[in-house]
Amino acid sequence: MIKVLIVDDDSLTRIGLISSIEWEENGFQVIGEAESGEEALEMCRKQVPDIMLTDISMAEMNGIELIENIKEKGYDIKIIILTCYENFSFLHKALHMGVEDYILKVGMMPSEILKVLRKVKDKYWSGLLPDKEKDKENNYEKLAAVESVIMGYVDDEEETKGLISRYSLCIPEKDYSVLLMKIVNQTENHNYHLNSILCKSILKVLLETAQKECIGEIVQCSEGEFAAALSLQEEGEIRNSYYRLYLLAVNMVKLVKQSLGVDICIGISSLHYGFKKYRRAAEEASEAINSRFFRESANGVYELHRTIETEYQTGNKIIAGHVRNIYDFLISNNREELIRSVTAIENEIRENKMNMQTARMYFISVYICASGVLDGMEGVDFSCEEEQLVQGKQLLFQGDSLNEIAEYVQNYLLLAADKFAGFKTRKKNAIITVVLNYVDSHYAEEISLDSIAERFHINTAYFCKLFKSVTGKTFIEYLTDKRIEIARKLLKTTDLKTYQVAEKTGFQTPEYFSKIFKKMTGYSPKDYKNL
């Protein structure tokens, strides 16, 4: 697979890129993400990507400086720029430095991103790969297949069996548990999650431990995170089988600590039967390991049946749906629904008689959702609300009144919605300003709605709607107005003939030019010239 590194100081952009594209299905593998140019270079020293998607405007080391460093170090990396419209001067410089292409952030769609990626892929990797690269490619595909089955990404049972057969996978079909493992405190041990050698060592310990009494597969899903599907080699009573798998997980935690000095935690699902149940098993393991946020396990292993007995698990189903809806209401500035959502959460907390600590956690989840949106906005001023935000945050984490906490979170959501609406308007205006400048300079060329949308990597339908909302005209109306405006000047200030004016203003034929000119001015070009 083609290895891709994503570099952007905006966490929402990175998350959006990673989650919105089916990378593996299109022949790509995201090997990491970096929030700065310095971090990207450090990651390149350990594993050189084939393609780098990088923001052009970042603090400390911007995209231009990152590209210069990559060129100086001799890395053979194909670079695609992510840019906003106000960064076009940077973009022109980057294009002269040999970057492959660029993608405009505002309105970028997964299909447009894939289109650029495929173009680069076809340009450099369309031929046959050498044997060594073929082996790598096959190995990546096998690992992707293992992860797809274990995590339940494949819904169809026949497709699952096909993957198992094609790659000779040892995926158990009955009496299996899914285990999700991750390195503890990755942010504190920053080098851990960047160190591929360490991750390989952890994987080796996990495999060696499991192979003694289990059949199954273990795969590294991302930096510092692993997934396993395991079943005991000897069949036995279901209750005893689960207990032995639980003890195996405890032993894994212990051996990784003893061998490598690294703390890991493991979430384990209940036992399942059949390939169709892998998605549910993975969800159970995920729920189990996520319960670590609320309680510590003495042995590092978290079980589903203990997780679901907590208040958090009951409320988690409540809050998960609300957070998804709140995000949608926030970015669409739907104030009424935001208020209604906070009220609904408060009522459900009271109805379920949850304690204050649990209730606080749910509102913190909502707060984090809004904070994520605010963090992704460049140039937004919060100075007027700074004191209010600080006091509110203290209330959120320390207050003992549900009414006060709910009121603060509601006000915070409304503030975030207002700020995002203003931010979105500025971004919309920025994109149209760039398009208008382009049309004003290239009106004589063959321009169409589709060609503009393709040039600026914008969805055509989205662009039509956006252009009309900002300018009050359709794109074709604006282009025609601009061409007629220039034609009138040429007719009055030059000796050019009608067909020459038509050519210089982008009209395909003199006849069509004359027809449009008379329709818009009331005069033929010749009569207008003689006025």
Foldseek 3Di string as FASTA:
>chain_A
DAEEEEEALQPVVVVCLVPQEPAVVLPYDHAYYYNDLVVVVVLCVQPNGQEYEYEQDDPPQGPVNSLVVCVVVPRNHAYEYEYALVCVVSVVVVVVSPHQYYAYPVQFHNVLVSVSVVVVCCVPPVDDDPPVVVVVSLVVVLLVLQCCLLQVVDQDQVVNVVSCVVNVFFADAFFKKKKKKFFPPCVVVVVQLSDVVLVVVLLVLLVVLQVVFWIWDKHAPHRGMIMIIIFGPDDDDSVVRQVVVQVSQLVSQVVSCVPPVTGMAMFMERTDHGSNCSNVSNVLRVLQLVCCVVPPDPSRYGYSVVSCVDPLVVCVVVLVVLLVVLLVCLLVLVLVVLLVSLVVLLVVCVVVVPAPVSSLVSLVSNVVSLVSLVSSFPPQDCVVCVVVVVVLVCCSVPNRDSVSVSVSSSVSSNVSSVSSVVSSVVSLVSVLVSVVVVLLVCQLADDDLVVSCSRNNHDSVVVQVSNCVVPVDGPVVVSLVSLLVVLLVCLQPHPDDQQVSCNRRHHPGSVVVQVSNCVVPVDGSVVSSVD
